[in-house]
């Protein structure tokens, strides 16, 4: 299969029908699982035992940093990020992964707690 190069404009942005997604019930999910021949069978009891994973929204790193009055280098150094990573996030060339999003949320709400945790002081 040949490799086809496409620009970001050609690919476009994904579209999610959030209303439909949020309206999906467990019964709908069980039906979708049962209809998919490639998935193992899953009973309603299995579905109830499955846990939901919280995926926090993409934070505004620049706003968090400005709120704390820090430069990119100082923010990166204080909270254990590389300066390059902070730059990439702020310029929209990369997005924080799930653990980084969680850490950034804690930095936003309680920066001192993160500093204490990273310094090893209880």
N, C-alpha and C. Protein backbone atom coordinates (compact mmCIF):
# COMPACT_ATOMS: atom_id res chain seq x y z
N UNK A 1 0.85 -1.17 0.00
CA UNK A 1 0.00 0.00 0.00
C UNK A 1 0.90 1.24 0.00
N UNK A 2 0.71 2.16 -0.93
CA UNK A 2 1.56 3.34 -1.00
C UNK A 2 1.25 4.33 0.12
N UNK A 3 2.25 5.11 0.46
CA UNK A 3 2.08 6.17 1.45
C UNK A 3 1.57 7.40 0.72
N UNK A 4 0.51 7.99 1.23
CA UNK A 4 -0.07 9.18 0.63
C UNK A 4 0.13 10.34 1.60
N UNK A 5 0.75 11.38 1.12
CA UNK A 5 0.96 12.56 1.96
C UNK A 5 -0.23 13.50 1.81
N UNK A 6 -0.74 13.96 2.96
CA UNK A 6 -1.85 14.89 2.96
C UNK A 6 -1.54 16.02 3.93
N UNK A 7 -1.95 17.20 3.59
CA UNK A 7 -1.74 18.35 4.47
C UNK A 7 -2.79 18.33 5.58
N UNK A 8 -2.52 19.11 6.62
CA UNK A 8 -3.48 19.22 7.72
C UNK A 8 -4.81 19.77 7.21
N UNK A 9 -4.75 20.67 6.23
CA UNK A 9 -5.98 21.24 5.66
C UNK A 9 -6.80 20.17 4.96
N UNK A 10 -6.12 19.26 4.26
CA UNK A 10 -6.82 18.19 3.57
C UNK A 10 -7.46 17.21 4.55
N UNK A 11 -6.77 16.96 5.65
CA UNK A 11 -7.28 16.01 6.64
C UNK A 11 -8.45 16.63 7.39
N UNK A 12 -8.31 17.90 7.77
CA UNK A 12 -9.37 18.58 8.50
C UNK A 12 -9.40 18.17 9.96
N UNK A 13 -10.36 18.70 10.68
CA UNK A 13 -10.51 18.38 12.09
C UNK A 13 -11.60 17.34 12.25
N UNK A 14 -11.42 16.44 13.21
CA UNK A 14 -12.44 15.44 13.48
C UNK A 14 -13.68 16.09 14.04
N UNK A 15 -14.82 15.53 13.75
CA UNK A 15 -16.06 16.08 14.26
C UNK A 15 -16.73 15.03 15.15
N UNK A 16 -17.04 15.44 16.35
CA UNK A 16 -17.69 14.55 17.30
C UNK A 16 -19.06 15.12 17.61
N UNK A 17 -20.08 14.29 17.52
CA UNK A 17 -21.42 14.69 17.89
C UNK A 17 -21.55 14.45 19.39
N UNK A 18 -21.18 15.47 20.19
CA UNK A 18 -21.13 15.31 21.64
C UNK A 18 -22.50 15.02 22.23
N UNK A 19 -23.54 15.61 21.70
CA UNK A 19 -24.89 15.36 22.22
C UNK A 19 -25.25 13.89 22.06
N UNK A 20 -24.96 13.34 20.89
CA UNK A 20 -25.24 11.92 20.65
C UNK A 20 -24.38 11.04 21.55
N UNK A 21 -23.12 11.41 21.70
CA UNK A 21 -22.21 10.62 22.54
C UNK A 21 -22.68 10.60 23.99
N UNK A 22 -23.05 11.77 24.52
CA UNK A 22 -23.50 11.85 25.91
C UNK A 22 -24.86 11.17 26.12
N UNK A 23 -25.65 11.07 25.05
CA UNK A 23 -26.97 10.44 25.16
C UNK A 23 -26.90 8.92 25.07
N UNK A 24 -25.73 8.38 24.75
CA UNK A 24 -25.58 6.93 24.62
C UNK A 24 -25.72 6.27 25.99
N UNK A 25 -26.58 5.28 26.05
CA UNK A 25 -26.82 4.57 27.32
C UNK A 25 -26.01 3.28 27.36
N UNK A 26 -25.97 2.67 28.53
CA UNK A 26 -25.28 1.38 28.66
C UNK A 26 -25.94 0.32 27.78
N UNK A 27 -27.27 0.40 27.65
CA UNK A 27 -27.98 -0.56 26.79
C UNK A 27 -27.52 -0.39 25.33
N UNK A 28 -27.33 0.86 24.89
CA UNK A 28 -26.83 1.12 23.54
C UNK A 28 -25.43 0.52 23.36
N UNK A 29 -24.60 0.70 24.36
CA UNK A 29 -23.23 0.19 24.28
C UNK A 29 -23.22 -1.34 24.22
N UNK A 30 -24.04 -1.96 25.05
CA UNK A 30 -24.12 -3.43 25.03
C UNK A 30 -24.57 -3.90 23.65
N UNK A 31 -25.53 -3.19 23.07
CA UNK A 31 -26.00 -3.55 21.73
C UNK A 31 -24.92 -3.39 20.68
N UNK A 32 -24.12 -2.33 20.78
CA UNK A 32 -23.03 -2.12 19.84
C UNK A 32 -21.96 -3.20 19.98
N UNK A 33 -21.69 -3.58 21.21
CA UNK A 33 -20.69 -4.63 21.46
C UNK A 33 -21.19 -5.96 20.89
N UNK A 34 -22.46 -6.26 21.14
CA UNK A 34 -23.03 -7.53 20.65
C UNK A 34 -23.03 -7.58 19.12
N UNK A 35 -23.20 -6.44 18.47
CA UNK A 35 -23.27 -6.40 17.01
C UNK A 35 -21.89 -6.46 16.35
N UNK A 36 -20.83 -6.26 17.13
CA UNK A 36 -19.48 -6.25 16.55
C UNK A 36 -18.88 -7.65 16.61
N UNK A 37 -18.69 -8.31 15.47
CA UNK A 37 -18.19 -9.68 15.47
C UNK A 37 -16.72 -9.80 15.89
N UNK A 38 -16.00 -8.70 15.90
CA UNK A 38 -14.58 -8.74 16.26
C UNK A 38 -14.32 -8.60 17.75
N UNK A 39 -15.33 -8.30 18.54
CA UNK A 39 -15.15 -8.12 19.97
C UNK A 39 -15.62 -9.35 20.74
N UNK A 40 -14.95 -9.64 21.86
CA UNK A 40 -15.42 -10.76 22.68
C UNK A 40 -16.78 -10.40 23.30
N UNK A 41 -17.53 -11.41 23.66
CA UNK A 41 -18.83 -11.17 24.27
C UNK A 41 -18.65 -10.47 25.61
N UNK A 42 -19.55 -9.53 25.88
CA UNK A 42 -19.49 -8.78 27.13
C UNK A 42 -20.90 -8.69 27.68
N UNK A 43 -21.09 -9.19 28.88
CA UNK A 43 -22.41 -9.17 29.49
C UNK A 43 -22.67 -7.81 30.13
N UNK A 44 -23.94 -7.51 30.45
CA UNK A 44 -24.23 -6.26 31.16
C UNK A 44 -23.48 -6.18 32.49
N UNK A 45 -23.27 -7.32 33.15
CA UNK A 45 -22.51 -7.32 34.42
C UNK A 45 -21.06 -6.91 34.17
N UNK A 46 -20.48 -7.38 33.05
CA UNK A 46 -19.11 -6.98 32.71
C UNK A 46 -19.05 -5.48 32.47
N UNK A 47 -20.05 -4.96 31.81
CA UNK A 47 -20.10 -3.54 31.50
C UNK A 47 -20.20 -2.71 32.78
N UNK A 48 -20.98 -3.17 33.75
CA UNK A 48 -21.11 -2.44 35.01
C UNK A 48 -19.80 -2.41 35.77
N UNK A 49 -19.00 -3.49 35.64
CA UNK A 49 -17.71 -3.55 36.33
C UNK A 49 -16.65 -2.69 35.65
N UNK A 50 -16.86 -2.39 34.38
CA UNK A 50 -15.89 -1.56 33.65
C UNK A 50 -15.89 -0.17 34.27
N UNK A 51 -14.72 0.42 34.35
CA UNK A 51 -14.65 1.74 34.97
C UNK A 51 -14.44 2.80 33.90
N UNK A 52 -14.96 3.96 34.19
CA UNK A 52 -14.78 5.08 33.29
C UNK A 52 -13.48 5.78 33.66
N UNK A 53 -12.77 6.22 32.66
CA UNK A 53 -11.51 6.91 32.88
C UNK A 53 -11.74 8.39 32.63
N UNK A 54 -11.37 9.20 33.61
CA UNK A 54 -11.50 10.65 33.47
C UNK A 54 -10.40 11.17 32.57
N UNK A 55 -10.79 11.84 31.52
CA UNK A 55 -9.83 12.44 30.61
C UNK A 55 -10.05 13.95 30.67
N UNK A 56 -9.21 14.64 31.44
CA UNK A 56 -9.43 16.07 31.62
C UNK A 56 -9.28 16.84 30.31
N UNK A 57 -9.95 17.99 30.23
CA UNK A 57 -9.83 18.80 29.02
C UNK A 57 -8.41 19.34 28.85
N UNK A 58 -8.10 19.75 27.64
CA UNK A 58 -6.77 20.31 27.37
C UNK A 58 -6.68 21.67 28.06
N UNK A 59 -5.69 21.83 28.94
CA UNK A 59 -5.59 23.08 29.69
C UNK A 59 -4.94 24.19 28.86
N UNK A 60 -5.17 25.41 29.27
CA UNK A 60 -4.52 26.57 28.67
C UNK A 60 -3.24 26.79 29.46
N UNK A 61 -2.16 26.20 29.00
CA UNK A 61 -0.89 26.24 29.73
C UNK A 61 -0.39 27.67 29.89
N UNK A 62 -0.54 28.47 28.85
CA UNK A 62 -0.08 29.85 28.91
C UNK A 62 -0.83 30.62 30.01
N UNK A 63 -2.14 30.41 30.11
CA UNK A 63 -2.93 31.10 31.14
C UNK A 63 -2.52 30.66 32.54
N UNK A 64 -2.26 29.38 32.71
CA UNK A 64 -1.82 28.86 34.01
C UNK A 64 -0.49 29.50 34.38
N UNK A 65 0.42 29.53 33.42
CA UNK A 65 1.76 30.08 33.66
C UNK A 65 1.69 31.57 33.97
N UNK A 66 0.89 32.30 33.21
CA UNK A 66 0.76 33.75 33.46
C UNK A 66 0.11 34.02 34.81
N UNK A 67 -0.85 33.19 35.19
CA UNK A 67 -1.51 33.34 36.49
C UNK A 67 -0.50 33.23 37.63
N UNK A 68 0.51 32.37 37.42
CA UNK A 68 1.56 32.19 38.43
C UNK A 68 2.69 33.20 38.29
N UNK A 69 2.66 33.99 37.21
CA UNK A 69 3.68 35.01 37.00
C UNK A 69 5.05 34.44 36.67
N UNK A 70 5.09 33.34 35.92
CA UNK A 70 6.35 32.66 35.62
C UNK A 70 6.67 32.71 34.13
N UNK A 71 7.95 32.74 33.82
CA UNK A 71 8.38 32.59 32.43
C UNK A 71 8.24 31.12 32.05
N UNK A 72 8.36 30.83 30.77
CA UNK A 72 8.28 29.44 30.33
C UNK A 72 9.37 28.61 31.01
N UNK A 73 10.59 29.15 31.08
CA UNK A 73 11.70 28.41 31.68
C UNK A 73 11.47 28.18 33.17
N UNK A 74 11.00 29.20 33.88
CA UNK A 74 10.76 29.06 35.32
C UNK A 74 9.62 28.08 35.58
N UNK A 75 8.56 28.15 34.78
CA UNK A 75 7.42 27.24 34.93
C UNK A 75 7.88 25.79 34.71
N UNK A 76 8.64 25.59 33.64
CA UNK A 76 9.14 24.24 33.32
C UNK A 76 10.01 23.71 34.45
N UNK A 77 10.93 24.53 34.91
CA UNK A 77 11.85 24.11 35.97
C UNK A 77 11.11 23.80 37.27
N UNK A 78 10.16 24.66 37.62
CA UNK A 78 9.45 24.50 38.90
C UNK A 78 8.58 23.25 38.94
N UNK A 79 7.97 22.88 37.79
CA UNK A 79 7.02 21.78 37.80
C UNK A 79 7.47 20.53 37.05
N UNK A 80 8.75 20.50 36.64
CA UNK A 80 9.32 19.27 36.08
C UNK A 80 9.05 19.02 34.61
N UNK A 81 8.77 20.07 33.85
CA UNK A 81 8.59 19.93 32.41
C UNK A 81 9.85 20.43 31.71
N UNK A 82 10.00 20.05 30.46
CA UNK A 82 11.09 20.65 29.68
C UNK A 82 10.55 21.96 29.09
N UNK A 83 11.45 22.91 28.88
CA UNK A 83 11.05 24.19 28.31
C UNK A 83 10.45 23.96 26.93
N UNK A 84 11.05 23.08 26.18
CA UNK A 84 10.57 22.79 24.82
C UNK A 84 9.13 22.27 24.85
N UNK A 85 8.83 21.41 25.80
CA UNK A 85 7.47 20.88 25.93
C UNK A 85 6.47 22.00 26.22
N UNK A 86 6.82 22.88 27.15
CA UNK A 86 5.94 24.01 27.48
C UNK A 86 5.73 24.87 26.24
N UNK A 87 6.78 25.13 25.50
CA UNK A 87 6.66 25.92 24.26
C UNK A 87 5.73 25.24 23.27
N UNK A 88 5.91 23.94 23.09
CA UNK A 88 5.07 23.18 22.15
C UNK A 88 3.60 23.26 22.55
N UNK A 89 3.32 23.10 23.84
CA UNK A 89 1.94 23.17 24.32
C UNK A 89 1.35 24.55 24.06
N UNK A 90 2.09 25.59 24.41
CA UNK A 90 1.57 26.94 24.28
C UNK A 90 1.38 27.35 22.83
N UNK A 91 2.18 26.84 21.93
CA UNK A 91 2.08 27.18 20.52
C UNK A 91 1.10 26.28 19.77
N UNK A 92 0.52 25.31 20.48
CA UNK A 92 -0.49 24.44 19.88
C UNK A 92 0.07 23.37 18.96
N UNK A 93 1.39 23.14 19.02
CA UNK A 93 1.98 22.10 18.17
C UNK A 93 1.92 20.73 18.83
N UNK A 94 1.62 20.72 20.12
CA UNK A 94 1.46 19.46 20.86
C UNK A 94 0.43 19.71 21.95
N UNK A 95 -0.16 18.63 22.43
CA UNK A 95 -1.10 18.75 23.54
C UNK A 95 -0.61 17.85 24.68
N UNK A 96 -0.84 18.28 25.90
CA UNK A 96 -0.43 17.45 27.04
C UNK A 96 -1.18 16.12 27.04
N UNK A 97 -0.47 15.04 27.39
CA UNK A 97 -1.14 13.75 27.50
C UNK A 97 -1.95 13.74 28.80
N UNK A 98 -2.68 12.67 29.03
CA UNK A 98 -3.58 12.59 30.18
C UNK A 98 -2.89 12.86 31.52
N UNK A 99 -1.75 12.19 31.84
CA UNK A 99 -1.11 12.48 33.12
C UNK A 99 -0.65 13.94 33.24
N UNK A 100 -0.16 14.51 32.15
CA UNK A 100 0.28 15.91 32.18
C UNK A 100 -0.92 16.83 32.38
N UNK A 101 -2.06 16.50 31.77
CA UNK A 101 -3.27 17.31 31.95
C UNK A 101 -3.69 17.31 33.41
N UNK A 102 -3.62 16.15 34.03
CA UNK A 102 -3.99 16.04 35.45
C UNK A 102 -3.03 16.87 36.30
N UNK A 103 -1.73 16.74 36.04
CA UNK A 103 -0.74 17.52 36.78
C UNK A 103 -0.97 19.01 36.57
N UNK A 104 -1.23 19.42 35.34
CA UNK A 104 -1.45 20.84 35.07
C UNK A 104 -2.70 21.35 35.79
N UNK A 105 -3.71 20.51 35.91
CA UNK A 105 -4.92 20.90 36.65
C UNK A 105 -4.59 21.14 38.13
N UNK A 106 -3.75 20.26 38.69
CA UNK A 106 -3.35 20.44 40.09
C UNK A 106 -2.47 21.68 40.22
N UNK A 107 -1.56 21.89 39.28
CA UNK A 107 -0.72 23.09 39.29
C UNK A 107 -1.62 24.33 39.27
N UNK A 108 -2.67 24.30 38.45
CA UNK A 108 -3.57 25.45 38.33
C UNK A 108 -4.30 25.73 39.64
N UNK A 109 -4.73 24.67 40.33
CA UNK A 109 -5.55 24.86 41.54
C UNK A 109 -4.73 24.92 42.83
N UNK A 110 -3.60 24.22 42.85
CA UNK A 110 -2.80 24.18 44.08
C UNK A 110 -1.31 24.02 43.77
N UNK A 111 -0.69 25.06 43.24
CA UNK A 111 0.71 24.95 42.85
C UNK A 111 1.66 24.61 44.01
N UNK A 112 1.34 25.09 45.19
CA UNK A 112 2.21 24.82 46.36
C UNK A 112 2.24 23.32 46.69
N UNK A 113 1.11 22.65 46.54
CA UNK A 113 1.06 21.21 46.81
C UNK A 113 1.98 20.47 45.85
N UNK A 114 1.99 20.88 44.58
CA UNK A 114 2.87 20.23 43.60
C UNK A 114 4.33 20.51 43.94
N UNK A 115 4.63 21.76 44.31
CA UNK A 115 6.00 22.10 44.69
C UNK A 115 6.47 21.27 45.87
N UNK A 116 5.59 21.13 46.89
CA UNK A 116 5.96 20.30 48.06
C UNK A 116 6.19 18.85 47.67
N UNK A 117 5.31 18.32 46.81
CA UNK A 117 5.45 16.92 46.37
C UNK A 117 6.74 16.71 45.59
N UNK A 118 7.07 17.67 44.73
CA UNK A 118 8.28 17.51 43.93
C UNK A 118 9.56 17.73 44.72
N UNK A 119 9.47 18.49 45.81
CA UNK A 119 10.66 18.74 46.62
C UNK A 119 10.89 17.62 47.63
N UNK A 120 9.90 16.75 47.82
CA UNK A 120 10.04 15.66 48.77
C UNK A 120 9.73 16.05 50.19
N UNK A 121 9.26 17.28 50.39
CA UNK A 121 8.90 17.75 51.73
C UNK A 121 7.43 17.48 51.95
N UNK A 122 7.09 16.81 53.05
CA UNK A 122 5.70 16.47 53.33
C UNK A 122 4.97 17.61 53.79
